[in-house]
Amino acid sequence: MSTYLVWSNEHRAYWGPNKSGYTTDWLNAGRYGAKDAADCFGARSWEPRKPPPEVMVLAPDSEQSSFTIAELRALPMVLEARIVKATKAAMAERRRIAAKQRAEASR
């Protein structure tokens, strides 16, 4: 089963375990199943034309159980790329939904 980290764009940190607190260290971040991670999104507080308050990214230790030192050193950059990708995808999806709603409303 895949596990996810929840990144707060607002706090620039990961959610802690049990949805409690924040940490900038992915190793100390909470691990969530896909449904629990998706439930964490602050869609109600998502302001128009701004990044989503939270995004979920696949936890590195969900994919493999051990890492080389080089892999560990690279993980912050890997996670940053995942965060950027997830944020852009969420914003694109929101624009798509808004465009669809506008099109339906104009019919």
PDB file of N, CA and C in Angstrom:
ATOM      1  N   MET A   1       0.847  -1.187   0.000  1.00  0.00           N
ATOM      2  CA  MET A   1       0.000   0.000   0.000  1.00  0.00           C
ATOM      3  C   MET A   1       0.888   1.245   0.000  1.00  0.00           C
ATOM      4  N   SER A   2       0.573   2.185  -0.845  1.00  0.00           N
ATOM      5  CA  SER A   2       1.337   3.427  -0.925  1.00  0.00           C
ATOM      6  C   SER A   2       1.028   4.322   0.263  1.00  0.00           C
ATOM      7  N   THR A   3       2.043   5.030   0.717  1.00  0.00           N
ATOM      8  CA  THR A   3       1.849   6.024   1.770  1.00  0.00           C
ATOM      9  C   THR A   3       2.269   7.384   1.236  1.00  0.00           C
ATOM     10  N   TYR A   4       1.632   8.404   1.772  1.00  0.00           N
ATOM     11  CA  TYR A   4       1.830   9.758   1.278  1.00  0.00           C
ATOM     12  C   TYR A   4       2.217  10.700   2.406  1.00  0.00           C
ATOM     13  N   LEU A   5       2.900  11.769   2.017  1.00  0.00           N
ATOM     14  CA  LEU A   5       3.177  12.893   2.890  1.00  0.00           C
ATOM     15  C   LEU A   5       2.217  13.999   2.481  1.00  0.00           C
ATOM     16  N   VAL A   6       1.778  14.795   3.439  1.00  0.00           N
ATOM     17  CA  VAL A   6       0.927  15.938   3.127  1.00  0.00           C
ATOM     18  C   VAL A   6       1.775  17.194   3.313  1.00  0.00           C
ATOM     19  N   TRP A   7       1.955  17.931   2.222  1.00  0.00           N
ATOM     20  CA  TRP A   7       2.746  19.160   2.237  1.00  0.00           C
ATOM     21  C   TRP A   7       1.812  20.354   2.354  1.00  0.00           C
ATOM     22  N   SER A   8       2.105  21.243   3.292  1.00  0.00           N
ATOM     23  CA  SER A   8       1.339  22.471   3.444  1.00  0.00           C
ATOM     24  C   SER A   8       2.052  23.588   2.690  1.00  0.00           C
ATOM     25  N   ASN A   9       1.438  24.060   1.613  1.00  0.00           N
ATOM     26  CA  ASN A   9       1.999  25.206   0.898  1.00  0.00           C
ATOM     27  C   ASN A   9       1.954  26.453   1.772  1.00  0.00           C
ATOM     28  N   GLU A  10       0.959  26.520   2.641  1.00  0.00           N
ATOM     29  CA  GLU A  10       0.809  27.676   3.528  1.00  0.00           C
ATOM     30  C   GLU A  10       1.939  27.734   4.558  1.00  0.00           C
ATOM     31  N   HIS A  11       2.253  26.602   5.176  1.00  0.00           N
ATOM     32  CA  HIS A  11       3.270  26.559   6.235  1.00  0.00           C
ATOM     33  C   HIS A  11       4.657  26.181   5.722  1.00  0.00           C
ATOM     34  N   ARG A  12       4.740  25.772   4.436  1.00  0.00           N
ATOM     35  CA  ARG A  12       6.000  25.343   3.831  1.00  0.00           C
ATOM     36  C   ARG A  12       6.643  24.225   4.645  1.00  0.00           C
ATOM     37  N   ALA A  13       5.797  23.258   5.019  1.00  0.00           N
ATOM     38  CA  ALA A  13       6.253  22.124   5.823  1.00  0.00           C
ATOM     39  C   ALA A  13       5.285  20.958   5.635  1.00  0.00           C
ATOM     40  N   TYR A  14       5.748  19.775   6.037  1.00  0.00           N
ATOM     41  CA  TYR A  14       4.903  18.575   5.988  1.00  0.00           C
ATOM     42  C   TYR A  14       4.045  18.510   7.242  1.00  0.00           C
ATOM     43  N   TRP A  15       2.872  17.897   7.093  1.00  0.00           N
ATOM     44  CA  TRP A  15       2.057  17.621   8.269  1.00  0.00           C
ATOM     45  C   TRP A  15       2.774  16.581   9.110  1.00  0.00           C
ATOM     46  N   GLY A  16       2.639  16.716  10.419  1.00  0.00           N
ATOM     47  CA  GLY A  16       3.223  15.727  11.310  1.00  0.00           C
ATOM     48  C   GLY A  16       2.358  14.480  11.394  1.00  0.00           C
ATOM     49  N   PRO A  17       2.807  13.498  12.169  1.00  0.00           N
ATOM     50  CA  PRO A  17       1.999  12.290  12.370  1.00  0.00           C
ATOM     51  C   PRO A  17       0.654  12.632  13.013  1.00  0.00           C
ATOM     52  N   ASN A  18      -0.351  11.857  12.708  1.00  0.00           N
ATOM     53  CA  ASN A  18      -1.695  12.029  13.270  1.00  0.00           C
ATOM     54  C   ASN A  18      -2.273  13.421  13.016  1.00  0.00           C
ATOM     55  N   LYS A  19      -1.899  14.018  11.874  1.00  0.00           N
ATOM     56  CA  LYS A  19      -2.408  15.341  11.488  1.00  0.00           C
ATOM     57  C   LYS A  19      -2.113  16.393  12.553  1.00  0.00           C
ATOM     58  N   SER A  20      -0.976  16.255  13.203  1.00  0.00           N
ATOM     59  CA  SER A  20      -0.622  17.133  14.315  1.00  0.00           C
ATOM     60  C   SER A  20       0.706  17.830  14.054  1.00  0.00           C
ATOM     61  N   GLY A  21       0.677  19.141  13.990  1.00  0.00           N
ATOM     62  CA  GLY A  21       1.895  19.917  13.836  1.00  0.00           C
ATOM     63  C   GLY A  21       2.495  19.822  12.439  1.00  0.00           C
ATOM     64  N   TYR A  22       3.655  20.441  12.297  1.00  0.00           N
ATOM     65  CA  TYR A  22       4.351  20.492  11.012  1.00  0.00           C
ATOM     66  C   TYR A  22       5.828  20.202  11.219  1.00  0.00           C
ATOM     67  N   THR A  23       6.460  19.718  10.173  1.00  0.00           N
ATOM     68  CA  THR A  23       7.897  19.495  10.189  1.00  0.00           C
ATOM     69  C   THR A  23       8.449  19.734   8.789  1.00  0.00           C
ATOM     70  N   THR A  24       9.654  20.252   8.723  1.00  0.00           N
ATOM     71  CA  THR A  24      10.291  20.419   7.418  1.00  0.00           C
ATOM     72  C   THR A  24      11.100  19.185   7.038  1.00  0.00           C
ATOM     73  N   ASP A  25      11.196  18.231   7.937  1.00  0.00           N
ATOM     74  CA  ASP A  25      11.961  16.999   7.706  1.00  0.00           C
ATOM     75  C   ASP A  25      11.021  15.879   7.273  1.00  0.00           C
ATOM     76  N   TRP A  26      11.171  15.399   6.044  1.00  0.00           N
ATOM     77  CA  TRP A  26      10.267  14.365   5.536  1.00  0.00           C
ATOM     78  C   TRP A  26      10.339  13.094   6.366  1.00  0.00           C
ATOM     79  N   LEU A  27      11.480  12.833   6.995  1.00  0.00           N
ATOM     80  CA  LEU A  27      11.601  11.620   7.813  1.00  0.00           C
ATOM     81  C   LEU A  27      10.692  11.669   9.041  1.00  0.00           C
ATOM     82  N   ASN A  28      10.433  12.868   9.557  1.00  0.00           N
ATOM     83  CA  ASN A  28       9.577  13.024  10.735  1.00  0.00           C
ATOM     84  C   ASN A  28       8.130  13.343  10.382  1.00  0.00           C
ATOM     85  N   ALA A  29       7.837  13.443   9.104  1.00  0.00           N
ATOM     86  CA  ALA A  29       6.474  13.765   8.667  1.00  0.00           C
ATOM     87  C   ALA A  29       5.548  12.575   8.885  1.00  0.00           C
ATOM     88  N   GLY A  30       4.264  12.871   8.998  1.00  0.00           N
ATOM     89  CA  GLY A  30       3.273  11.809   9.112  1.00  0.00           C
ATOM     90  C   GLY A  30       3.144  11.043   7.808  1.00  0.00           C
ATOM     91  N   ARG A  31       2.774   9.798   7.926  1.00  0.00           N
ATOM     92  CA  ARG A  31       2.521   8.946   6.758  1.00  0.00           C
ATOM     93  C   ARG A  31       1.024   8.678   6.714  1.00  0.00           C
ATOM     94  N   TYR A  32       0.439   8.861   5.537  1.00  0.00           N
ATOM     95  CA  TYR A  32      -1.003   8.726   5.381  1.00  0.00           C
ATOM     96  C   TYR A  32      -1.325   7.854   4.181  1.00  0.00           C
ATOM     97  N   GLY A  33      -2.399   7.081   4.297  1.00  0.00           N
ATOM     98  CA  GLY A  33      -2.910   6.350   3.144  1.00  0.00           C
ATOM     99  C   GLY A  33      -3.504   7.351   2.163  1.00  0.00           C
ATOM    100  N   ALA A  34      -3.803   6.911   0.955  1.00  0.00           N
ATOM    101  CA  ALA A  34      -4.294   7.816  -0.086  1.00  0.00           C
ATOM    102  C   ALA A  34      -5.569   8.542   0.339  1.00  0.00           C
ATOM    103  N   LYS A  35      -6.523   7.829   0.925  1.00  0.00           N
ATOM    104  CA  LYS A  35      -7.783   8.462   1.326  1.00  0.00           C
ATOM    105  C   LYS A  35      -7.554   9.471   2.441  1.00  0.00           C
ATOM    106  N   ASP A  36      -6.784   9.087   3.460  1.00  0.00           N
ATOM    107  CA  ASP A  36      -6.507  10.015   4.557  1.00  0.00           C
ATOM    108  C   ASP A  36      -5.764  11.253   4.066  1.00  0.00           C
ATOM    109  N   ALA A  37      -4.802  11.063   3.175  1.00  0.00           N
ATOM    110  CA  ALA A  37      -4.054  12.207   2.642  1.00  0.00           C
ATOM    111  C   ALA A  37      -4.979  13.125   1.850  1.00  0.00           C
ATOM    112  N   ALA A  38      -5.836  12.551   1.025  1.00  0.00           N
ATOM    113  CA  ALA A  38      -6.766  13.355   0.224  1.00  0.00           C
ATOM    114  C   ALA A  38      -7.750  14.107   1.114  1.00  0.00           C
ATOM    115  N   ASP A  39      -8.128  13.510   2.241  1.00  0.00           N
ATOM    116  CA  ASP A  39      -9.053  14.164   3.168  1.00  0.00           C
ATOM    117  C   ASP A  39      -8.430  15.383   3.845  1.00  0.00           C
ATOM    118  N   CYS A  40      -7.116  15.502   3.805  1.00  0.00           N
ATOM    119  CA  CYS A  40      -6.420  16.606   4.463  1.00  0.00           C
ATOM    120  C   CYS A  40      -6.462  17.903   3.666  1.00  0.00           C
ATOM    121  N   PHE A  41      -6.829  17.825   2.410  1.00  0.00           N
ATOM    122  CA  PHE A  41      -6.788  19.015   1.574  1.00  0.00           C
ATOM    123  C   PHE A  41      -7.710  20.094   2.101  1.00  0.00           C
ATOM    124  N   GLY A  42      -7.221  21.322   2.132  1.00  0.00           N
ATOM    125  CA  GLY A  42      -8.011  22.447   2.602  1.00  0.00           C
ATOM    126  C   GLY A  42      -8.794  23.102   1.487  1.00  0.00           C
ATOM    127  N   ALA A  43      -9.566  22.322   0.755  1.00  0.00           N
ATOM    128  CA  ALA A  43     -10.300  22.852  -0.402  1.00  0.00           C
ATOM    129  C   ALA A  43     -11.215  24.009  -0.016  1.00  0.00           C
ATOM    130  N   ARG A  44     -11.797  23.944   1.167  1.00  0.00           N
ATOM    131  CA  ARG A  44     -12.712  25.013   1.571  1.00  0.00           C
ATOM    132  C   ARG A  44     -11.971  26.338   1.753  1.00  0.00           C
ATOM    133  N   SER A  45     -10.690  26.269   2.143  1.00  0.00           N
ATOM    134  CA  SER A  45      -9.927  27.497   2.377  1.00  0.00           C
ATOM    135  C   SER A  45      -9.015  27.858   1.208  1.00  0.00           C
ATOM    136  N   TRP A  46      -9.181  27.166   0.078  1.00  0.00           N
ATOM    137  CA  TRP A  46      -8.334  27.399  -1.087  1.00  0.00           C
ATOM    138  C   TRP A  46      -8.793  28.662  -1.788  1.00  0.00           C
ATOM    139  N   GLU A  47      -7.970  29.693  -1.737  1.00  0.00           N
ATOM    140  CA  GLU A  47      -8.309  30.973  -2.340  1.00  0.00           C
ATOM    141  C   GLU A  47      -8.104  30.928  -3.854  1.00  0.00           C
ATOM    142  N   PRO A  48      -8.970  31.610  -4.590  1.00  0.00           N
ATOM    143  CA  PRO A  48      -8.831  31.628  -6.049  1.00  0.00           C
ATOM    144  C   PRO A  48      -7.458  32.148  -6.483  1.00  0.00           C
ATOM    145  N   ARG A  49      -6.923  31.547  -7.542  1.00  0.00           N
ATOM    146  CA  ARG A  49      -5.653  31.935  -8.158  1.00  0.00           C
ATOM    147  C   ARG A  49      -4.451  31.804  -7.227  1.00  0.00           C
ATOM    148  N   LYS A  50      -4.578  31.035  -6.182  1.00  0.00           N
ATOM    149  CA  LYS A  50      -3.453  30.762  -5.288  1.00  0.00           C
ATOM    150  C   LYS A  50      -3.221  29.259  -5.245  1.00  0.00           C
ATOM    151  N   PRO A  51      -2.025  28.843  -4.837  1.00  0.00           N
ATOM    152  CA  PRO A  51      -1.778  27.397  -4.722  1.00  0.00           C
ATOM    153  C   PRO A  51      -2.714  26.771  -3.690  1.00  0.00           C
ATOM    154  N   PRO A  52      -2.983  25.487  -3.822  1.00  0.00           N
ATOM    155  CA  PRO A  52      -3.819  24.826  -2.818  1.00  0.00           C
ATOM    156  C   PRO A  52      -3.110  24.851  -1.469  1.00  0.00           C
ATOM    157  N   PRO A  53      -3.861  24.919  -0.367  1.00  0.00           N
ATOM    158  CA  PRO A  53      -3.217  24.931   0.944  1.00  0.00           C
ATOM    159  C   PRO A  53      -2.356  23.690   1.187  1.00  0.00           C
ATOM    160  N   GLU A  54      -2.824  22.535   0.728  1.00  0.00           N
ATOM    161  CA  GLU A  54      -2.087  21.288   0.916  1.00  0.00           C
ATOM    162  C   GLU A  54      -2.093  20.461  -0.359  1.00  0.00           C
ATOM    163  N   VAL A  55      -1.041  19.679  -0.516  1.00  0.00           N
ATOM    164  CA  VAL A  55      -0.978  18.676  -1.579  1.00  0.00           C
ATOM    165  C   VAL A  55      -0.402  17.400  -0.978  1.00  0.00           C
ATOM    166  N   MET A  56      -0.718  16.278  -1.604  1.00  0.00           N
ATOM    167  CA  MET A  56      -0.152  15.006  -1.148  1.00  0.00           C
ATOM    168  C   MET A  56       0.899  14.545  -2.137  1.00  0.00           C
ATOM    169  N   VAL A  57       1.999  14.013  -1.589  1.00  0.00           N
ATOM    170  CA  VAL A  57       3.074  13.480  -2.426  1.00  0.00           C
ATOM    171  C   VAL A  57       3.438  12.091  -1.918  1.00  0.00           C
ATOM    172  N   LEU A  58       3.798  11.232  -2.842  1.00  0.00           N
ATOM    173  CA  LEU A  58       4.183   9.875  -2.480  1.00  0.00           C
ATOM    174  C   LEU A  58       5.406   9.926  -1.570  1.00  0.00           C
ATOM    175  N   ALA A  59       5.330   9.246  -0.440  1.00  0.00           N
ATOM    176  CA  ALA A  59       6.463   9.194   0.489  1.00  0.00           C
ATOM    177  C   ALA A  59       7.586   8.368  -0.128  1.00  0.00           C
ATOM    178  N   PRO A  60       8.821   8.841  -0.060  1.00  0.00           N
ATOM    179  CA  PRO A  60       9.927   8.083  -0.649  1.00  0.00           C
ATOM    180  C   PRO A  60      10.038   6.663  -0.108  1.00  0.00           C
ATOM    181  N   ASP A  61       9.762   6.491   1.177  1.00  0.00           N
ATOM    182  CA  ASP A  61       9.863   5.160   1.772  1.00  0.00           C
ATOM    183  C   ASP A  61       8.674   4.279   1.427  1.00  0.00           C
ATOM    184  N   SER A  62       7.733   4.814   0.665  1.00  0.00           N
ATOM    185  CA  SER A  62       6.643   3.998   0.139  1.00  0.00           C
ATOM    186  C   SER A  62       7.129   3.201  -1.063  1.00  0.00           C
ATOM    187  N   GLU A  63       8.147   3.714  -1.727  1.00  0.00           N
ATOM    188  CA  GLU A  63       8.669   3.096  -2.942  1.00  0.00           C
ATOM    189  C   GLU A  63       9.824   2.132  -2.686  1.00  0.00           C
ATOM    190  N   GLN A  64      10.595   2.405  -1.646  1.00  0.00           N
ATOM    191  CA  GLN A  64      11.725   1.533  -1.327  1.00  0.00           C
ATOM    192  C   GLN A  64      12.002   1.630   0.163  1.00  0.00           C
ATOM    193  N   SER A  65      12.594   0.577   0.716  1.00  0.00           N
ATOM    194  CA  SER A  65      12.774   0.514   2.166  1.00  0.00           C
ATOM    195  C   SER A  65      14.153   0.957   2.634  1.00  0.00           C
ATOM    196  N   SER A  66      15.106   1.062   1.720  1.00  0.00           N
ATOM    197  CA  SER A  66      16.435   1.527   2.121  1.00  0.00           C
ATOM    198  C   SER A  66      16.996   2.437   1.035  1.00  0.00           C
ATOM    199  N   PHE A  67      17.922   3.288   1.443  1.00  0.00           N
ATOM    200  CA  PHE A  67      18.474   4.288   0.543  1.00  0.00           C
ATOM    201  C   PHE A  67      19.986   4.358   0.706  1.00  0.00           C
ATOM    202  N   THR A  68      20.653   4.666  -0.381  1.00  0.00           N
ATOM    203  CA  THR A  68      22.084   4.949  -0.298  1.00  0.00           C
ATOM    204  C   THR A  68      22.242   6.373   0.229  1.00  0.00           C
ATOM    205  N   ILE A  69      23.430   6.723   0.643  1.00  0.00           N
ATOM    206  CA  ILE A  69      23.673   8.085   1.115  1.00  0.00           C
ATOM    207  C   ILE A  69      23.398   9.084  -0.003  1.00  0.00           C
ATOM    208  N   ALA A  70      23.809   8.758  -1.209  1.00  0.00           N
ATOM    209  CA  ALA A  70      23.553   9.653  -2.347  1.00  0.00           C
ATOM    210  C   ALA A  70      22.052   9.842  -2.571  1.00  0.00           C
ATOM    211  N   GLU A  71      21.287   8.771  -2.448  1.00  0.00           N
ATOM    212  CA  GLU A  71      19.827   8.873  -2.618  1.00  0.00           C
ATOM    213  C   GLU A  71      19.222   9.738  -1.518  1.00  0.00           C
ATOM    214  N   LEU A  72      19.674   9.553  -0.281  1.00  0.00           N
ATOM    215  CA  LEU A  72      19.165  10.362   0.828  1.00  0.00           C
ATOM    216  C   LEU A  72      19.465  11.843   0.613  1.00  0.00           C
ATOM    217  N   ARG A  73      20.646  12.126   0.120  1.00  0.00           N
ATOM    218  CA  ARG A  73      21.012  13.524  -0.134  1.00  0.00           C
ATOM    219  C   ARG A  73      20.150  14.133  -1.236  1.00  0.00           C
ATOM    220  N   ALA A  74      19.755  13.324  -2.202  1.00  0.00           N
ATOM    221  CA  ALA A  74      18.956  13.817  -3.329  1.00  0.00           C
ATOM    222  C   ALA A  74      17.468  13.935  -3.005  1.00  0.00           C
ATOM    223  N   LEU A  75      17.006  13.257  -1.966  1.00  0.00           N
ATOM    224  CA  LEU A  75      15.564  13.209  -1.696  1.00  0.00           C
ATOM    225  C   LEU A  75      14.911  14.572  -1.469  1.00  0.00           C
ATOM    226  N   PRO A  76      15.536  15.521  -0.782  1.00  0.00           N
ATOM    227  CA  PRO A  76      14.865  16.824  -0.660  1.00  0.00           C
ATOM    228  C   PRO A  76      14.539  17.452  -2.017  1.00  0.00           C
ATOM    229  N   MET A  77      15.434  17.321  -2.980  1.00  0.00           N
ATOM    230  CA  MET A  77      15.174  17.864  -4.323  1.00  0.00           C
ATOM    231  C   MET A  77      14.091  17.056  -5.036  1.00  0.00           C
ATOM    232  N   VAL A  78      14.105  15.750  -4.848  1.00  0.00           N
ATOM    233  CA  VAL A  78      13.076  14.890  -5.442  1.00  0.00           C
ATOM    234  C   VAL A  78      11.708  15.266  -4.883  1.00  0.00           C
ATOM    235  N   LEU A  79      11.642  15.440  -3.566  1.00  0.00           N
ATOM    236  CA  LEU A  79      10.367  15.792  -2.938  1.00  0.00           C
ATOM    237  C   LEU A  79       9.906  17.184  -3.362  1.00  0.00           C
ATOM    238  N   GLU A  80      10.832  18.122  -3.467  1.00  0.00           N
ATOM    239  CA  GLU A  80      10.464  19.465  -3.923  1.00  0.00           C
ATOM    240  C   GLU A  80       9.858  19.399  -5.321  1.00  0.00           C
ATOM    241  N   ALA A  81      10.440  18.601  -6.192  1.00  0.00           N
ATOM    242  CA  ALA A  81       9.892  18.442  -7.548  1.00  0.00           C
ATOM    243  C   ALA A  81       8.500  17.821  -7.495  1.00  0.00           C
ATOM    244  N   ARG A  82       8.294  16.858  -6.617  1.00  0.00           N
ATOM    245  CA  ARG A  82       6.967  16.241  -6.476  1.00  0.00           C
ATOM    246  C   ARG A  82       5.953  17.250  -5.959  1.00  0.00           C
ATOM    247  N   ILE A  83       6.371  18.094  -5.023  1.00  0.00           N
ATOM    248  CA  ILE A  83       5.477  19.107  -4.463  1.00  0.00           C
ATOM    249  C   ILE A  83       5.070  20.101  -5.548  1.00  0.00           C
ATOM    250  N   VAL A  84       6.038  20.569  -6.320  1.00  0.00           N
ATOM    251  CA  VAL A  84       5.753  21.513  -7.408  1.00  0.00           C
ATOM    252  C   VAL A  84       4.809  20.873  -8.419  1.00  0.00           C
ATOM    253  N   LYS A  85       5.080  19.637  -8.790  1.00  0.00           N
ATOM    254  CA  LYS A  85       4.236  18.934  -9.765  1.00  0.00           C
ATOM    255  C   LYS A  85       2.814  18.762  -9.235  1.00  0.00           C
ATOM    256  N   ALA A  86       2.672  18.357  -7.973  1.00  0.00           N
ATOM    257  CA  ALA A  86       1.342  18.161  -7.385  1.00  0.00           C
ATOM    258  C   ALA A  86       0.590  19.479  -7.281  1.00  0.00           C
ATOM    259  N   THR A  87       1.290  20.545  -6.925  1.00  0.00           N
ATOM    260  CA  THR A  87       0.655  21.860  -6.818  1.00  0.00           C
ATOM    261  C   THR A  87       0.168  22.332  -8.183  1.00  0.00           C
ATOM    262  N   LYS A  88       1.019  22.209  -9.197  1.00  0.00           N
ATOM    263  CA  LYS A  88       0.622  22.611 -10.553  1.00  0.00           C
ATOM    264  C   LYS A  88      -0.547  21.773 -11.059  1.00  0.00           C
ATOM    265  N   ALA A  89      -0.527  20.475 -10.779  1.00  0.00           N
ATOM    266  CA  ALA A  89      -1.615  19.598 -11.224  1.00  0.00           C
ATOM    267  C   ALA A  89      -2.927  19.981 -10.549  1.00  0.00           C
ATOM    268  N   ALA A  90      -2.877  20.287  -9.253  1.00  0.00           N
ATOM    269  CA  ALA A  90      -4.090  20.677  -8.535  1.00  0.00           C
ATOM    270  C   ALA A  90      -4.649  21.984  -9.085  1.00  0.00           C
ATOM    271  N   MET A  91      -3.771  22.933  -9.370  1.00  0.00           N
ATOM    272  CA  MET A  91      -4.227  24.211  -9.912  1.00  0.00           C
ATOM    273  C   MET A  91      -4.811  24.042 -11.311  1.00  0.00           C
ATOM    274  N   ALA A  92      -4.193  23.201 -12.130  1.00  0.00           N
ATOM    275  CA  ALA A  92      -4.721  22.937 -13.475  1.00  0.00           C
ATOM    276  C   ALA A  92      -6.084  22.261 -13.396  1.00  0.00           C
ATOM    277  N   GLU A  93      -6.229  21.316 -12.489  1.00  0.00           N
ATOM    278  CA  GLU A  93      -7.513  20.630 -12.318  1.00  0.00           C
ATOM    279  C   GLU A  93      -8.586  21.614 -11.860  1.00  0.00           C
ATOM    280  N   ARG A  94      -8.216  22.507 -10.962  1.00  0.00           N
ATOM    281  CA  ARG A  94      -9.179  23.498 -10.490  1.00  0.00           C
ATOM    282  C   ARG A  94      -9.620  24.411 -11.640  1.00  0.00           C
ATOM    283  N   ARG A  95      -8.670  24.831 -12.480  1.00  0.00           N
ATOM    284  CA  ARG A  95      -9.022  25.670 -13.636  1.00  0.00           C
ATOM    285  C   ARG A  95      -9.921  24.907 -14.599  1.00  0.00           C
ATOM    286  N   ARG A  96      -9.638  23.621 -14.807  1.00  0.00           N
ATOM    287  CA  ARG A  96     -10.450  22.797 -15.705  1.00  0.00           C
ATOM    288  C   ARG A  96     -11.882  22.702 -15.191  1.00  0.00           C
ATOM    289  N   ILE A  97     -12.031  22.451 -13.906  1.00  0.00           N
ATOM    290  CA  ILE A  97     -13.367  22.339 -13.309  1.00  0.00           C
ATOM    291  C   ILE A  97     -14.103  23.671 -13.404  1.00  0.00           C
ATOM    292  N   ALA A  98     -13.412  24.774 -13.123  1.00  0.00           N
ATOM    293  CA  ALA A  98     -14.043  26.097 -13.194  1.00  0.00           C
ATOM    294  C   ALA A  98     -14.488  26.412 -14.618  1.00  0.00           C
ATOM    295  N   ALA A  99     -13.662  26.074 -15.600  1.00  0.00           N
ATOM    296  CA  ALA A  99     -14.033  26.314 -17.000  1.00  0.00           C
ATOM    297  C   ALA A  99     -15.251  25.487 -17.386  1.00  0.00           C
ATOM    298  N   LYS A 100     -15.291  24.259 -16.925  1.00  0.00           N
ATOM    299  CA  LYS A 100     -16.435  23.388 -17.214  1.00  0.00           C
ATOM    300  C   LYS A 100     -17.705  23.954 -16.582  1.00  0.00           C
ATOM    301  N   GLN A 101     -17.590  24.442 -15.351  1.00  0.00           N
ATOM    302  CA  GLN A 101     -18.753  25.013 -14.671  1.00  0.00           C
ATOM    303  C   GLN A 101     -19.237  26.279 -15.378  1.00  0.00           C
ATOM    304  N   ARG A 102     -18.291  27.101 -15.840  1.00  0.00           N
ATOM    305  CA  ARG A 102     -18.683  28.315 -16.576  1.00  0.00           C
ATOM    306  C   ARG A 102     -19.383  27.956 -17.878  1.00  0.00           C
ATOM    307  N   ALA A 103     -18.869  26.944 -18.569  1.00  0.00           N
ATOM    308  CA  ALA A 103     -19.474  26.515 -19.834  1.00  0.00           C
ATOM    309  C   ALA A 103     -20.882  25.981 -19.604  1.00  0.00           C
ATOM    310  N   GLU A 104     -21.055  25.205 -18.552  1.00  0.00           N
ATOM    311  CA  GLU A 104     -22.382  24.659 -18.249  1.00  0.00           C
ATOM    312  C   GLU A 104     -23.344  25.759 -17.834  1.00  0.00           C
ATOM    313  N   ALA A 105     -22.851  26.761 -17.113  1.00  0.00           N
ATOM    314  CA  ALA A 105     -23.708  27.857 -16.660  1.00  0.00           C
ATOM    315  C   ALA A 105     -24.153  28.747 -17.816  1.00  0.00           C
ATOM    316  N   SER A 106     -23.347  28.818 -18.868  1.00  0.00           N
ATOM    317  CA  SER A 106     -23.692  29.687 -19.997  1.00  0.00           C
ATOM    318  C   SER A 106     -24.630  29.022 -20.993  1.00  0.00           C
ATOM    319  N   ARG A 107     -24.969  27.774 -20.778  1.00  0.00           N
ATOM    320  CA  ARG A 107     -25.873  27.069 -21.702  1.00  0.00           C
ATOM    321  C   ARG A 107     -27.297  27.460 -21.482  1.00  0.00           C
TER     322      ARG A 107
END
